[in-house]
N, C-alpha and C. Protein backbone atom coordinates (compact mmCIF):
# COMPACT_ATOMS: atom_id res chain seq x y z
N MET A 1 -83.01 -44.62 -65.86
CA MET A 1 -82.00 -43.87 -66.57
C MET A 1 -81.87 -42.46 -66.01
N LYS A 2 -83.01 -41.85 -65.70
CA LYS A 2 -82.96 -40.51 -65.12
C LYS A 2 -82.21 -40.51 -63.79
N MET A 3 -82.40 -41.53 -63.02
CA MET A 3 -81.78 -41.60 -61.70
C MET A 3 -80.26 -41.66 -61.82
N ARG A 4 -79.73 -42.39 -62.81
CA ARG A 4 -78.28 -42.50 -62.97
C ARG A 4 -77.68 -41.14 -63.34
N GLY A 5 -78.35 -40.40 -64.22
CA GLY A 5 -77.86 -39.07 -64.60
C GLY A 5 -77.85 -38.12 -63.41
N PHE A 6 -78.87 -38.22 -62.58
CA PHE A 6 -78.93 -37.38 -61.39
C PHE A 6 -77.81 -37.73 -60.41
N VAL A 7 -77.50 -38.99 -60.25
CA VAL A 7 -76.44 -39.43 -59.36
C VAL A 7 -75.09 -38.93 -59.88
N LEU A 8 -74.89 -38.98 -61.20
CA LEU A 8 -73.65 -38.51 -61.80
C LEU A 8 -73.45 -37.02 -61.53
N ILE A 9 -74.49 -36.22 -61.72
CA ILE A 9 -74.40 -34.78 -61.46
C ILE A 9 -74.15 -34.53 -59.98
N GLU A 10 -74.82 -35.29 -59.14
CA GLU A 10 -74.64 -35.15 -57.70
C GLU A 10 -73.20 -35.46 -57.28
N VAL A 11 -72.61 -36.51 -57.84
CA VAL A 11 -71.22 -36.88 -57.53
C VAL A 11 -70.27 -35.81 -58.05
N MET A 12 -70.51 -35.32 -59.26
CA MET A 12 -69.64 -34.27 -59.81
C MET A 12 -69.70 -33.00 -58.96
N LEU A 13 -70.88 -32.64 -58.49
CA LEU A 13 -71.04 -31.48 -57.61
C LEU A 13 -70.31 -31.70 -56.29
N ALA A 14 -70.41 -32.89 -55.75
CA ALA A 14 -69.71 -33.19 -54.49
C ALA A 14 -68.19 -33.11 -54.66
N VAL A 15 -67.67 -33.61 -55.78
CA VAL A 15 -66.23 -33.53 -56.06
C VAL A 15 -65.81 -32.08 -56.21
N LEU A 16 -66.63 -31.26 -56.87
CA LEU A 16 -66.33 -29.84 -57.03
C LEU A 16 -66.27 -29.13 -55.68
N ILE A 17 -67.24 -29.39 -54.83
CA ILE A 17 -67.26 -28.78 -53.49
C ILE A 17 -66.05 -29.23 -52.68
N PHE A 18 -65.70 -30.50 -52.75
CA PHE A 18 -64.53 -31.02 -52.04
C PHE A 18 -63.25 -30.36 -52.55
N ALA A 19 -63.12 -30.21 -53.89
CA ALA A 19 -61.93 -29.60 -54.48
C ALA A 19 -61.80 -28.14 -54.04
N LEU A 20 -62.91 -27.41 -54.02
CA LEU A 20 -62.87 -26.03 -53.55
C LEU A 20 -62.45 -25.95 -52.08
N GLY A 21 -62.93 -26.87 -51.28
CA GLY A 21 -62.54 -26.91 -49.87
C GLY A 21 -61.05 -27.18 -49.71
N VAL A 22 -60.51 -28.11 -50.47
CA VAL A 22 -59.08 -28.44 -50.39
C VAL A 22 -58.25 -27.25 -50.84
N LEU A 23 -58.65 -26.57 -51.93
CA LEU A 23 -57.92 -25.39 -52.40
C LEU A 23 -57.95 -24.27 -51.37
N SER A 24 -59.10 -24.06 -50.75
CA SER A 24 -59.21 -23.04 -49.71
C SER A 24 -58.32 -23.35 -48.52
N LEU A 25 -58.31 -24.59 -48.11
CA LEU A 25 -57.46 -25.02 -47.00
C LEU A 25 -55.98 -24.82 -47.34
N GLY A 26 -55.60 -25.15 -48.57
CA GLY A 26 -54.22 -24.94 -49.00
C GLY A 26 -53.83 -23.47 -48.96
N GLN A 27 -54.74 -22.61 -49.38
CA GLN A 27 -54.47 -21.16 -49.35
C GLN A 27 -54.34 -20.67 -47.91
N CYS A 28 -55.15 -21.17 -47.01
CA CYS A 28 -55.05 -20.81 -45.59
C CYS A 28 -53.70 -21.22 -45.02
N VAL A 29 -53.25 -22.40 -45.33
CA VAL A 29 -51.94 -22.88 -44.86
C VAL A 29 -50.84 -21.97 -45.42
N ASN A 30 -50.95 -21.59 -46.69
CA ASN A 30 -49.96 -20.71 -47.31
C ASN A 30 -49.90 -19.37 -46.58
N PHE A 31 -51.06 -18.77 -46.27
CA PHE A 31 -51.10 -17.51 -45.54
C PHE A 31 -50.50 -17.66 -44.14
N CYS A 32 -50.76 -18.77 -43.47
CA CYS A 32 -50.21 -19.00 -42.14
C CYS A 32 -48.68 -19.10 -42.19
N LEU A 33 -48.16 -19.78 -43.19
CA LEU A 33 -46.70 -19.89 -43.33
C LEU A 33 -46.07 -18.53 -43.61
N ALA A 34 -46.71 -17.72 -44.46
CA ALA A 34 -46.19 -16.38 -44.74
C ALA A 34 -46.21 -15.51 -43.49
N ALA A 35 -47.27 -15.60 -42.70
CA ALA A 35 -47.36 -14.83 -41.46
C ALA A 35 -46.29 -15.27 -40.46
N GLU A 36 -46.03 -16.55 -40.36
CA GLU A 36 -44.99 -17.06 -39.46
C GLU A 36 -43.61 -16.59 -39.91
N HIS A 37 -43.38 -16.58 -41.22
CA HIS A 37 -42.10 -16.12 -41.76
C HIS A 37 -41.89 -14.64 -41.43
N PHE A 38 -42.93 -13.82 -41.61
CA PHE A 38 -42.82 -12.39 -41.28
C PHE A 38 -42.60 -12.19 -39.78
N LYS A 39 -43.27 -12.99 -38.97
CA LYS A 39 -43.11 -12.89 -37.52
C LYS A 39 -41.67 -13.17 -37.11
N GLU A 40 -41.05 -14.17 -37.72
CA GLU A 40 -39.65 -14.48 -37.44
C GLU A 40 -38.73 -13.34 -37.85
N GLU A 41 -38.96 -12.79 -39.05
CA GLU A 41 -38.13 -11.68 -39.52
C GLU A 41 -38.29 -10.46 -38.63
N ASP A 42 -39.50 -10.17 -38.20
CA ASP A 42 -39.74 -9.02 -37.34
C ASP A 42 -39.08 -9.20 -35.98
N ALA A 43 -39.11 -10.40 -35.44
CA ALA A 43 -38.44 -10.67 -34.17
C ALA A 43 -36.92 -10.54 -34.32
N ARG A 44 -36.39 -11.01 -35.44
CA ARG A 44 -34.96 -10.90 -35.71
C ARG A 44 -34.56 -9.43 -35.83
N ALA A 45 -35.40 -8.63 -36.48
CA ALA A 45 -35.15 -7.19 -36.61
C ALA A 45 -35.16 -6.52 -35.23
N GLY A 46 -36.10 -6.89 -34.39
CA GLY A 46 -36.17 -6.33 -33.04
C GLY A 46 -34.93 -6.65 -32.22
N ARG A 47 -34.44 -7.90 -32.36
CA ARG A 47 -33.21 -8.27 -31.64
C ARG A 47 -32.02 -7.46 -32.12
N LEU A 48 -31.93 -7.25 -33.42
CA LEU A 48 -30.82 -6.47 -33.97
C LEU A 48 -30.86 -5.04 -33.45
N LEU A 49 -32.03 -4.41 -33.47
CA LEU A 49 -32.15 -3.04 -32.99
C LEU A 49 -31.82 -2.93 -31.51
N ALA A 50 -32.28 -3.88 -30.72
CA ALA A 50 -31.97 -3.87 -29.28
C ALA A 50 -30.48 -4.07 -29.04
N ASN A 51 -29.85 -4.96 -29.80
CA ASN A 51 -28.41 -5.18 -29.65
C ASN A 51 -27.62 -3.93 -30.03
N ARG A 52 -28.01 -3.29 -31.15
CA ARG A 52 -27.29 -2.10 -31.59
C ARG A 52 -27.47 -0.96 -30.59
N MET A 53 -28.66 -0.83 -30.01
CA MET A 53 -28.89 0.19 -28.99
C MET A 53 -27.97 -0.05 -27.78
N ALA A 54 -27.86 -1.29 -27.35
CA ALA A 54 -27.00 -1.61 -26.21
C ALA A 54 -25.53 -1.32 -26.54
N GLU A 55 -25.11 -1.61 -27.78
CA GLU A 55 -23.73 -1.32 -28.18
C GLU A 55 -23.46 0.17 -28.19
N ILE A 56 -24.42 0.96 -28.67
CA ILE A 56 -24.25 2.42 -28.69
C ILE A 56 -24.24 2.98 -27.27
N GLU A 57 -25.18 2.53 -26.45
CA GLU A 57 -25.22 3.01 -25.06
C GLU A 57 -23.97 2.62 -24.28
N GLY A 58 -23.44 1.44 -24.58
CA GLY A 58 -22.23 0.98 -23.90
C GLY A 58 -20.95 1.61 -24.41
N GLY A 59 -21.04 2.32 -25.54
CA GLY A 59 -19.87 3.00 -26.08
C GLY A 59 -18.97 2.11 -26.92
N SER A 60 -19.38 0.91 -27.25
CA SER A 60 -18.53 0.02 -28.04
C SER A 60 -18.60 0.34 -29.53
N ILE A 61 -19.57 1.15 -29.95
CA ILE A 61 -19.67 1.59 -31.35
C ILE A 61 -19.61 3.10 -31.37
N ALA A 62 -18.72 3.63 -32.22
CA ALA A 62 -18.62 5.08 -32.36
C ALA A 62 -19.90 5.60 -33.00
N LEU A 63 -20.41 6.68 -32.48
CA LEU A 63 -21.67 7.24 -32.95
C LEU A 63 -21.41 8.42 -33.86
N ASN A 64 -21.76 8.28 -35.13
CA ASN A 64 -21.62 9.36 -36.12
C ASN A 64 -22.96 10.06 -36.29
N ASP A 65 -22.92 11.21 -37.00
CA ASP A 65 -24.18 11.92 -37.25
C ASP A 65 -25.14 11.10 -38.09
N SER A 66 -24.61 10.39 -39.09
CA SER A 66 -25.46 9.58 -39.95
C SER A 66 -24.62 8.49 -40.61
N SER A 67 -25.16 7.29 -40.68
CA SER A 67 -24.45 6.20 -41.36
C SER A 67 -25.46 5.18 -41.85
N THR A 68 -25.07 4.48 -42.91
CA THR A 68 -25.87 3.39 -43.47
C THR A 68 -24.96 2.18 -43.59
N GLU A 69 -25.45 1.04 -43.15
CA GLU A 69 -24.63 -0.16 -43.11
C GLU A 69 -25.39 -1.34 -43.70
N GLU A 70 -24.77 -2.01 -44.67
CA GLU A 70 -25.31 -3.26 -45.21
C GLU A 70 -24.87 -4.37 -44.26
N LEU A 71 -25.80 -5.12 -43.70
CA LEU A 71 -25.47 -6.10 -42.69
C LEU A 71 -25.09 -7.44 -43.31
N LYS A 72 -24.29 -8.19 -42.59
CA LYS A 72 -23.79 -9.49 -43.05
C LYS A 72 -24.25 -10.59 -42.08
N GLY A 73 -23.96 -11.80 -42.45
CA GLY A 73 -24.23 -12.94 -41.58
C GLY A 73 -25.70 -13.22 -41.42
N MET A 74 -26.14 -13.32 -40.18
CA MET A 74 -27.52 -13.65 -39.87
C MET A 74 -28.52 -12.62 -40.41
N TRP A 75 -28.05 -11.39 -40.56
CA TRP A 75 -28.93 -10.30 -41.01
C TRP A 75 -28.66 -9.93 -42.46
N GLU A 76 -28.20 -10.87 -43.25
CA GLU A 76 -27.92 -10.64 -44.67
C GLU A 76 -29.16 -10.10 -45.37
N GLY A 77 -28.98 -9.05 -46.18
CA GLY A 77 -30.09 -8.47 -46.92
C GLY A 77 -30.78 -7.33 -46.17
N MET A 78 -30.34 -7.04 -44.96
CA MET A 78 -30.93 -5.95 -44.19
C MET A 78 -29.97 -4.76 -44.21
N LYS A 79 -30.54 -3.56 -44.17
CA LYS A 79 -29.77 -2.33 -44.18
C LYS A 79 -30.14 -1.53 -42.93
N LEU A 80 -29.11 -1.09 -42.18
CA LEU A 80 -29.33 -0.34 -40.95
C LEU A 80 -28.90 1.11 -41.16
N LYS A 81 -29.84 2.03 -40.95
CA LYS A 81 -29.54 3.46 -41.02
C LYS A 81 -29.52 4.00 -39.60
N THR A 82 -28.45 4.69 -39.26
CA THR A 82 -28.30 5.29 -37.94
C THR A 82 -28.22 6.80 -38.11
N THR A 83 -29.04 7.51 -37.37
CA THR A 83 -29.04 8.97 -37.43
C THR A 83 -28.94 9.50 -36.00
N ARG A 84 -28.00 10.45 -35.80
CA ARG A 84 -27.82 11.07 -34.49
C ARG A 84 -28.09 12.56 -34.63
N SER A 85 -28.84 13.10 -33.68
CA SER A 85 -29.07 14.55 -33.66
C SER A 85 -29.00 15.04 -32.22
N VAL A 86 -28.56 16.28 -32.08
CA VAL A 86 -28.45 16.88 -30.75
C VAL A 86 -29.85 17.10 -30.20
N LEU A 87 -30.05 16.70 -28.95
CA LEU A 87 -31.34 16.88 -28.30
C LEU A 87 -31.44 18.32 -27.82
N LYS A 88 -32.43 19.04 -28.30
CA LYS A 88 -32.60 20.45 -27.94
C LYS A 88 -33.75 20.56 -26.95
N LYS A 89 -33.44 20.31 -25.69
CA LYS A 89 -34.44 20.39 -24.63
C LYS A 89 -33.89 21.25 -23.50
N LYS A 90 -34.79 21.69 -22.66
CA LYS A 90 -34.40 22.49 -21.49
C LYS A 90 -34.82 21.75 -20.24
N ASN A 91 -34.08 21.98 -19.16
CA ASN A 91 -34.43 21.35 -17.89
C ASN A 91 -35.49 22.19 -17.17
N GLU A 92 -35.80 21.82 -15.94
CA GLU A 92 -36.86 22.51 -15.20
C GLU A 92 -36.51 23.96 -14.85
N ASN A 93 -35.21 24.31 -14.94
CA ASN A 93 -34.79 25.68 -14.65
C ASN A 93 -34.66 26.51 -15.93
N GLY A 94 -35.02 25.95 -17.07
CA GLY A 94 -34.95 26.67 -18.32
C GLY A 94 -33.57 26.66 -18.96
N GLN A 95 -32.66 25.86 -18.44
CA GLN A 95 -31.31 25.79 -19.00
C GLN A 95 -31.26 24.69 -20.06
N ASP A 96 -30.44 24.92 -21.09
CA ASP A 96 -30.28 23.91 -22.14
C ASP A 96 -29.62 22.66 -21.58
N ILE A 97 -30.11 21.52 -22.00
CA ILE A 97 -29.49 20.24 -21.66
C ILE A 97 -28.46 19.97 -22.75
N THR A 98 -27.20 19.79 -22.34
CA THR A 98 -26.13 19.59 -23.33
C THR A 98 -25.57 18.18 -23.26
N GLY A 99 -25.07 17.73 -24.39
CA GLY A 99 -24.39 16.44 -24.45
C GLY A 99 -25.31 15.24 -24.64
N VAL A 100 -26.60 15.46 -24.77
CA VAL A 100 -27.54 14.34 -24.96
C VAL A 100 -27.95 14.31 -26.43
N TYR A 101 -27.97 13.10 -27.00
CA TYR A 101 -28.31 12.93 -28.40
C TYR A 101 -29.55 12.05 -28.54
N ALA A 102 -30.33 12.36 -29.56
CA ALA A 102 -31.43 11.49 -29.97
C ALA A 102 -30.89 10.61 -31.09
N VAL A 103 -31.00 9.32 -30.93
CA VAL A 103 -30.48 8.37 -31.92
C VAL A 103 -31.67 7.62 -32.51
N ARG A 104 -31.69 7.56 -33.84
CA ARG A 104 -32.76 6.84 -34.54
C ARG A 104 -32.12 5.74 -35.36
N LEU A 105 -32.53 4.51 -35.08
CA LEU A 105 -32.09 3.34 -35.83
C LEU A 105 -33.25 2.89 -36.70
N GLU A 106 -32.99 2.76 -38.01
CA GLU A 106 -34.03 2.28 -38.93
C GLU A 106 -33.48 1.09 -39.69
N LEU A 107 -34.18 -0.01 -39.60
CA LEU A 107 -33.77 -1.25 -40.27
C LEU A 107 -34.70 -1.49 -41.44
N LEU A 108 -34.11 -1.68 -42.62
CA LEU A 108 -34.88 -1.91 -43.85
C LEU A 108 -34.52 -3.26 -44.42
N TRP A 109 -35.52 -4.00 -44.91
CA TRP A 109 -35.25 -5.26 -45.59
C TRP A 109 -36.38 -5.56 -46.55
N ARG A 110 -36.10 -6.45 -47.50
CA ARG A 110 -37.08 -6.85 -48.51
C ARG A 110 -37.34 -8.34 -48.37
N SER A 111 -38.61 -8.67 -48.32
CA SER A 111 -39.00 -10.07 -48.17
C SER A 111 -40.32 -10.29 -48.90
N ASP A 112 -40.42 -11.38 -49.61
CA ASP A 112 -41.64 -11.72 -50.35
C ASP A 112 -42.08 -10.59 -51.27
N ASN A 113 -41.11 -9.96 -51.94
CA ASN A 113 -41.35 -8.85 -52.88
C ASN A 113 -42.02 -7.65 -52.23
N GLN A 114 -41.80 -7.46 -50.92
CA GLN A 114 -42.33 -6.30 -50.22
C GLN A 114 -41.23 -5.69 -49.37
N ASP A 115 -41.23 -4.37 -49.27
CA ASP A 115 -40.27 -3.67 -48.42
C ASP A 115 -40.83 -3.61 -47.01
N HIS A 116 -39.96 -3.90 -46.05
CA HIS A 116 -40.34 -3.84 -44.64
C HIS A 116 -39.36 -2.95 -43.90
N SER A 117 -39.80 -2.37 -42.80
CA SER A 117 -38.91 -1.56 -41.99
C SER A 117 -39.36 -1.60 -40.53
N ARG A 118 -38.40 -1.33 -39.70
CA ARG A 118 -38.67 -1.24 -38.26
C ARG A 118 -37.70 -0.21 -37.72
N GLU A 119 -38.14 0.60 -36.77
CA GLU A 119 -37.25 1.63 -36.25
C GLU A 119 -37.33 1.73 -34.73
N LEU A 120 -36.27 2.33 -34.19
CA LEU A 120 -36.14 2.51 -32.75
C LEU A 120 -35.48 3.85 -32.52
N THR A 121 -36.07 4.66 -31.66
CA THR A 121 -35.50 5.97 -31.30
C THR A 121 -35.25 5.98 -29.80
N PHE A 122 -34.07 6.45 -29.41
CA PHE A 122 -33.72 6.51 -28.00
C PHE A 122 -32.76 7.66 -27.77
N TYR A 123 -32.52 7.98 -26.51
CA TYR A 123 -31.62 9.07 -26.13
C TYR A 123 -30.37 8.47 -25.51
N VAL A 124 -29.25 9.13 -25.78
CA VAL A 124 -27.99 8.62 -25.25
C VAL A 124 -27.12 9.79 -24.80
N TYR A 125 -26.44 9.58 -23.70
CA TYR A 125 -25.45 10.53 -23.20
C TYR A 125 -24.10 9.82 -23.30
N PRO A 126 -23.31 10.16 -24.35
CA PRO A 126 -22.07 9.42 -24.58
C PRO A 126 -21.12 9.49 -23.38
N ARG A 127 -20.45 8.37 -23.16
CA ARG A 127 -19.47 8.31 -22.06
C ARG A 127 -18.28 9.18 -22.40
N GLN A 128 -17.77 9.84 -21.41
CA GLN A 128 -16.58 10.68 -21.58
C GLN A 128 -15.35 9.80 -21.45
N GLN A 129 -14.44 9.92 -22.42
CA GLN A 129 -13.22 9.06 -22.41
C GLN A 129 -12.18 9.64 -21.51
């Protein structure tokens, strides 16, 4: 009789250990899926910033001092802030460099109840029309 009770406790303990292992594995899979989702969003944000930089450098988008844009389509739910400021630098002869702007692109989005952002700063010399 004692042996049967011991076997029952042993089986219950084994089932408990197995259940904890399965729950842990499920949580690991959940974390991996969340990380993959964030990786995709971050890559998409990087592509958007690179595309917008190319559009600004190419002159296809008018550059204002500051603007905020709610994005549509593939980038639904993302907000792009563009800030332009005059670059105040001097050349090797001590003369002011004119006509060059520092442009800062900041992309904001919300995912999984967390705010995320990515930014890109570059210099641009607008084309003369």
